[in-house]
Amino acid sequence: MTKKAGMETWKRKRKLEYLEQKEYRYYIFCEGEKTEPNYFKGFKTHIESNPIYKNLVLIEIEPCGAETMSVLSQAEEYVKKNKLKEGQIWCIYDKDSFPSRRFNGVYERIVSLNKQDGPIQYHAAWSNECIEFWFILHFSYYTSNNNREEYIKYLNKQFVQRKLSKYTKNMDNIFDILLEYGNPKLAIKYAKKIITDNQNKTPAMITPGTKVYELVEELAKFLPDEKKKRFQ
């Protein structure tokens, strides 16, 4: 065995040992390369600062730079390549202008994958039309079916009212801004109500709507107490 091959084997062994120490494992695949990853990195940072859970929770965030079904495809490939044996696989993706059949197709594929009833479970944390709708719910119960540009205008208004700089995509500190100036607990409540009011509809038909709150509730359980209270 060459020295390089030996080093790669050692690295894989160390990573496997590291994973096996973690009781809770979340693999988050984001359609966007910055906005969504930056938001969930906020959870990761604060959870890793919590002495109670930092050694028990694994959060891996993968920016995909791809649309709808491609996000799920990359997640499935990651599971195979890394020979994952257990964990939660979360796909974060937007409707935007993509065809409804592709948007709904991700959820349908995930339902099919989970019928295998194995230790790997897939989840669809979609937003229709975009992740900014989830951000808006931190400030008000908003049900107008608008496009991304209108949502960003609304967020700008909310930010300016609180003497913040305007909202822009790819903000590094979006998690902390929403935590401090928004209301995560109400955002979860509002998002749930919209989904409940639209029962039996496909994701593409729920306009607007989001299921990002499902992953948020999962991760919030591991935050330090003073931050966890903002979600519960």
Protein backbone atom coordinates (compact mmCIF):
# COMPACT_ATOMS: atom_id res chain seq x y z
CA MET A 1 0.00 0.00 0.00
CA THR A 2 1.33 3.43 -0.93
CA LYS A 3 1.74 6.15 1.66
CA LYS A 4 -1.09 8.19 0.06
CA ALA A 5 -3.48 5.22 0.00
CA GLY A 6 -2.64 4.48 3.63
CA MET A 7 -3.41 8.06 4.60
CA GLU A 8 -6.79 7.96 2.81
CA THR A 9 -7.69 4.72 4.59
CA TRP A 10 -6.73 6.29 7.93
CA LYS A 11 -8.86 9.35 7.21
CA ARG A 12 -11.90 7.22 6.33
CA LYS A 13 -11.46 5.21 9.52
CA ARG A 14 -11.20 8.35 11.66
CA LYS A 15 -14.31 9.83 10.01
CA LEU A 16 -16.26 6.61 10.63
CA GLU A 17 -15.20 6.64 14.28
CA TYR A 18 -16.26 10.28 14.51
CA LEU A 19 -19.69 9.53 13.03
CA GLU A 20 -20.26 6.57 15.32
CA GLN A 21 -19.88 8.87 18.33
CA LYS A 22 -22.86 10.95 17.21
CA GLU A 23 -26.31 9.89 18.38
CA TYR A 24 -28.22 12.39 16.21
CA ARG A 25 -27.15 12.84 12.58
CA TYR A 26 -28.51 15.41 10.15
CA TYR A 27 -27.35 15.72 6.56
CA ILE A 28 -28.75 18.89 4.99
CA PHE A 29 -28.68 19.31 1.20
CA CYS A 30 -29.50 22.83 0.08
CA GLU A 31 -30.58 23.93 -3.37
CA GLY A 32 -28.80 27.25 -2.92
CA GLU A 33 -25.10 27.69 -2.35
CA LYS A 34 -25.28 30.48 0.24
CA THR A 35 -28.68 31.61 1.59
CA GLU A 36 -29.98 28.29 2.93
CA PRO A 37 -26.56 26.94 4.02
CA ASN A 38 -25.85 30.19 5.90
CA TYR A 39 -29.17 29.94 7.73
CA PHE A 40 -28.60 26.36 8.86
CA LYS A 41 -24.96 27.05 9.72
CA GLY A 42 -26.43 29.28 12.42
CA PHE A 43 -28.04 26.24 14.03
CA LYS A 44 -24.83 24.24 13.65
CA THR A 45 -22.71 26.96 15.29
CA HIS A 46 -25.00 27.37 18.29
CA ILE A 47 -25.56 23.64 18.77
CA GLU A 48 -21.81 23.03 18.72
CA SER A 49 -21.48 25.66 21.46
CA ASN A 50 -23.93 23.75 23.65
CA PRO A 51 -21.91 21.49 26.00
CA ILE A 52 -24.91 19.19 26.46
CA TYR A 53 -25.26 18.23 22.80
CA LYS A 54 -22.11 19.24 20.96
CA ASN A 55 -20.68 15.71 21.12
CA LEU A 56 -23.98 14.02 20.33
CA VAL A 57 -25.24 15.92 17.28
CA LEU A 58 -23.74 15.79 13.80
CA ILE A 59 -24.85 18.40 11.26
CA GLU A 60 -23.41 18.22 7.76
CA ILE A 61 -24.50 20.96 5.33
CA GLU A 62 -24.03 20.41 1.60
CA PRO A 63 -24.67 23.34 -0.80
CA CYS A 64 -25.80 21.71 -4.04
CA GLY A 65 -26.17 24.61 -6.45
CA ALA A 66 -28.89 22.60 -8.16
CA GLU A 67 -32.67 22.58 -8.59
CA THR A 68 -35.43 20.46 -7.05
CA MET A 69 -34.91 16.83 -8.14
CA SER A 70 -31.16 17.30 -8.53
CA VAL A 71 -30.88 18.13 -4.83
CA LEU A 72 -32.39 14.76 -3.94
CA SER A 73 -30.21 12.99 -6.51
CA GLN A 74 -27.09 14.50 -4.93
CA ALA A 75 -28.33 13.47 -1.48
CA GLU A 76 -28.88 9.88 -2.60
CA GLU A 77 -25.44 9.80 -4.23
CA TYR A 78 -23.86 11.17 -1.04
CA VAL A 79 -25.49 8.41 1.02
CA LYS A 80 -24.16 5.73 -1.32
CA LYS A 81 -20.67 7.20 -1.71
CA ASN A 82 -20.17 7.64 2.03
CA LYS A 83 -21.91 4.35 2.86
CA LEU A 84 -24.12 6.02 5.44
CA LYS A 85 -25.88 3.52 7.68
CA GLU A 86 -28.22 5.84 9.57
CA GLY A 87 -29.27 9.45 9.86
CA GLN A 88 -31.77 12.00 8.62
CA ILE A 89 -31.38 13.33 5.09
CA TRP A 90 -32.99 16.75 4.58
CA CYS A 91 -33.49 18.31 1.15
CA ILE A 92 -34.01 22.09 1.19
CA TYR A 93 -35.37 23.40 -2.10
CA ASP A 94 -37.63 26.07 -3.63
CA LYS A 95 -40.44 25.99 -6.15
CA ASP A 96 -39.40 29.17 -8.00
CA SER A 97 -40.41 28.79 -11.65
CA PHE A 98 -39.71 25.07 -11.90
CA PRO A 99 -42.49 22.83 -13.27
CA SER A 100 -44.93 21.53 -10.68
CA ARG A 101 -44.28 17.92 -11.68
CA ARG A 102 -40.60 18.26 -10.77
CA PHE A 103 -41.34 20.13 -7.54
CA ASN A 104 -43.91 17.54 -6.46
CA GLY A 105 -41.68 14.76 -7.75
CA VAL A 106 -39.10 15.31 -5.02
CA TYR A 107 -41.67 14.74 -2.30
CA GLU A 108 -43.08 11.71 -4.11
CA ARG A 109 -39.62 10.19 -4.50
CA ILE A 110 -38.90 10.77 -0.79
CA VAL A 111 -42.14 9.03 0.20
CA SER A 112 -41.04 6.08 -1.95
CA LEU A 113 -37.56 5.98 -0.41
CA ASN A 114 -38.95 6.01 3.12
CA LYS A 115 -41.19 3.02 2.41
CA GLN A 116 -38.01 0.96 2.67
CA ASP A 117 -38.25 1.69 6.41
CA GLY A 118 -34.50 1.71 6.98
CA PRO A 119 -32.31 3.70 9.39
CA ILE A 120 -31.78 6.35 6.68
CA GLN A 121 -34.83 8.63 6.48
CA TYR A 122 -35.36 11.35 3.86
CA HIS A 123 -37.26 14.60 4.37
CA ALA A 124 -38.52 17.32 2.00
CA ALA A 125 -38.20 20.82 3.49
CA TRP A 126 -39.61 22.71 0.51
CA SER A 127 -40.63 26.34 0.13
CA ASN A 128 -43.16 27.63 -2.36
CA GLU A 129 -42.05 29.94 -3.79
CA CYS A 130 -38.73 30.45 -1.97
CA ILE A 131 -36.86 30.30 1.37
CA GLU A 132 -37.56 34.02 1.87
CA PHE A 133 -41.17 33.08 2.59
CA TRP A 134 -39.96 31.20 5.68
CA PHE A 135 -38.00 34.27 6.73
CA ILE A 136 -41.08 36.50 6.30
CA LEU A 137 -43.10 34.37 8.72
CA HIS A 138 -40.75 35.50 11.50
CA PHE A 139 -42.39 38.92 11.23
CA SER A 140 -46.02 38.33 10.26
CA TYR A 141 -48.68 35.90 9.08
CA TYR A 142 -48.28 36.39 5.35
CA THR A 143 -50.40 34.54 2.82
CA SER A 144 -50.10 36.57 -0.38
CA ASN A 145 -48.95 34.50 -3.33
CA ASN A 146 -46.12 36.69 -4.60
CA ASN A 147 -42.79 36.12 -6.31
CA ARG A 148 -39.32 36.21 -4.80
CA GLU A 149 -38.82 39.89 -5.62
CA GLU A 150 -41.93 40.87 -3.66
CA TYR A 151 -40.88 38.73 -0.71
CA ILE A 152 -37.48 40.42 -0.66
CA LYS A 153 -39.14 43.85 -0.77
CA TYR A 154 -41.26 42.87 2.21
CA LEU A 155 -38.22 41.63 4.12
CA ASN A 156 -36.40 44.88 3.33
CA LYS A 157 -39.30 46.81 4.85
CA GLN A 158 -39.19 44.69 8.01
CA PHE A 159 -35.42 45.05 8.30
CA VAL A 160 -35.46 48.82 7.80
CA GLN A 161 -38.19 49.22 10.43
CA ARG A 162 -35.83 47.55 12.89
CA LYS A 163 -32.93 49.78 11.82
CA LEU A 164 -31.12 46.93 10.11
CA SER A 165 -29.38 46.99 6.76
CA LYS A 166 -31.51 45.77 3.88
CA TYR A 167 -32.04 42.08 3.42
CA THR A 168 -29.86 40.56 0.73
CA LYS A 169 -29.43 37.00 -0.39
CA ASN A 170 -26.38 35.21 0.97
CA MET A 171 -26.32 37.12 4.29
CA ASP A 172 -23.86 35.41 6.63
CA ASN A 173 -25.79 36.32 9.78
CA ILE A 174 -29.36 35.67 8.65
CA PHE A 175 -29.95 33.10 11.40
CA ASP A 176 -28.93 35.48 14.18
CA ILE A 177 -30.94 38.37 12.70
CA LEU A 178 -34.11 36.28 12.56
CA LEU A 179 -33.45 34.95 16.05
CA GLU A 180 -32.96 38.40 17.59
CA TYR A 181 -35.36 40.59 15.61
CA GLY A 182 -37.94 38.08 14.41
CA ASN A 183 -40.08 35.52 16.22
CA PRO A 184 -39.12 31.91 15.38
CA LYS A 185 -41.92 30.52 17.56
CA LEU A 186 -44.56 32.42 15.61
CA ALA A 187 -42.90 31.51 12.30
CA ILE A 188 -43.34 27.83 13.16
CA LYS A 189 -46.95 28.42 14.23
CA TYR A 190 -47.78 30.32 11.04
CA ALA A 191 -46.08 27.78 8.76
CA LYS A 192 -47.96 24.91 10.42
CA LYS A 193 -51.29 26.71 10.08
CA ILE A 194 -50.76 27.23 6.35
CA ILE A 195 -49.97 23.54 5.84
CA THR A 196 -52.98 22.50 7.96
CA ASP A 197 -55.28 24.84 6.03
CA ASN A 198 -54.09 23.23 2.78
CA GLN A 199 -54.35 19.57 3.70
CA ASN A 200 -54.52 17.09 0.83
CA LYS A 201 -52.91 19.55 -1.60
CA THR A 202 -49.62 18.85 -3.35
CA PRO A 203 -46.63 21.06 -2.44
CA ALA A 204 -46.95 22.92 -5.75
CA MET A 205 -50.56 23.81 -4.94
CA ILE A 206 -49.73 25.37 -1.57
CA THR A 207 -48.94 28.92 -2.62
CA PRO A 208 -47.35 30.22 -0.52
CA GLY A 209 -46.16 27.58 1.92
CA THR A 210 -43.09 26.00 3.43
CA LYS A 211 -42.05 22.92 5.37
CA VAL A 212 -38.69 24.29 6.48
CA TYR A 213 -40.20 24.54 9.95
CA GLU A 214 -40.00 20.74 10.31
CA LEU A 215 -36.20 20.78 10.21
CA VAL A 216 -36.11 23.93 12.34
CA GLU A 217 -38.10 22.18 15.08
CA GLU A 218 -35.75 19.20 14.93
CA LEU A 219 -32.58 21.27 15.28
CA ALA A 220 -33.99 23.73 17.83
CA LYS A 221 -34.17 20.90 20.38
CA PHE A 222 -30.38 20.94 20.64
CA LEU A 223 -29.83 24.69 21.01
CA PRO A 224 -28.63 26.24 24.27
CA ASP A 225 -31.64 26.87 26.53
CA GLU A 226 -31.77 30.64 26.12
CA LYS A 227 -32.00 30.24 22.32
CA LYS A 228 -34.21 27.15 22.38
CA LYS A 229 -36.90 29.16 24.20
CA ARG A 230 -37.24 31.40 21.14
CA PHE A 231 -38.56 28.40 19.17
CA GLN A 232 -40.83 26.77 21.73
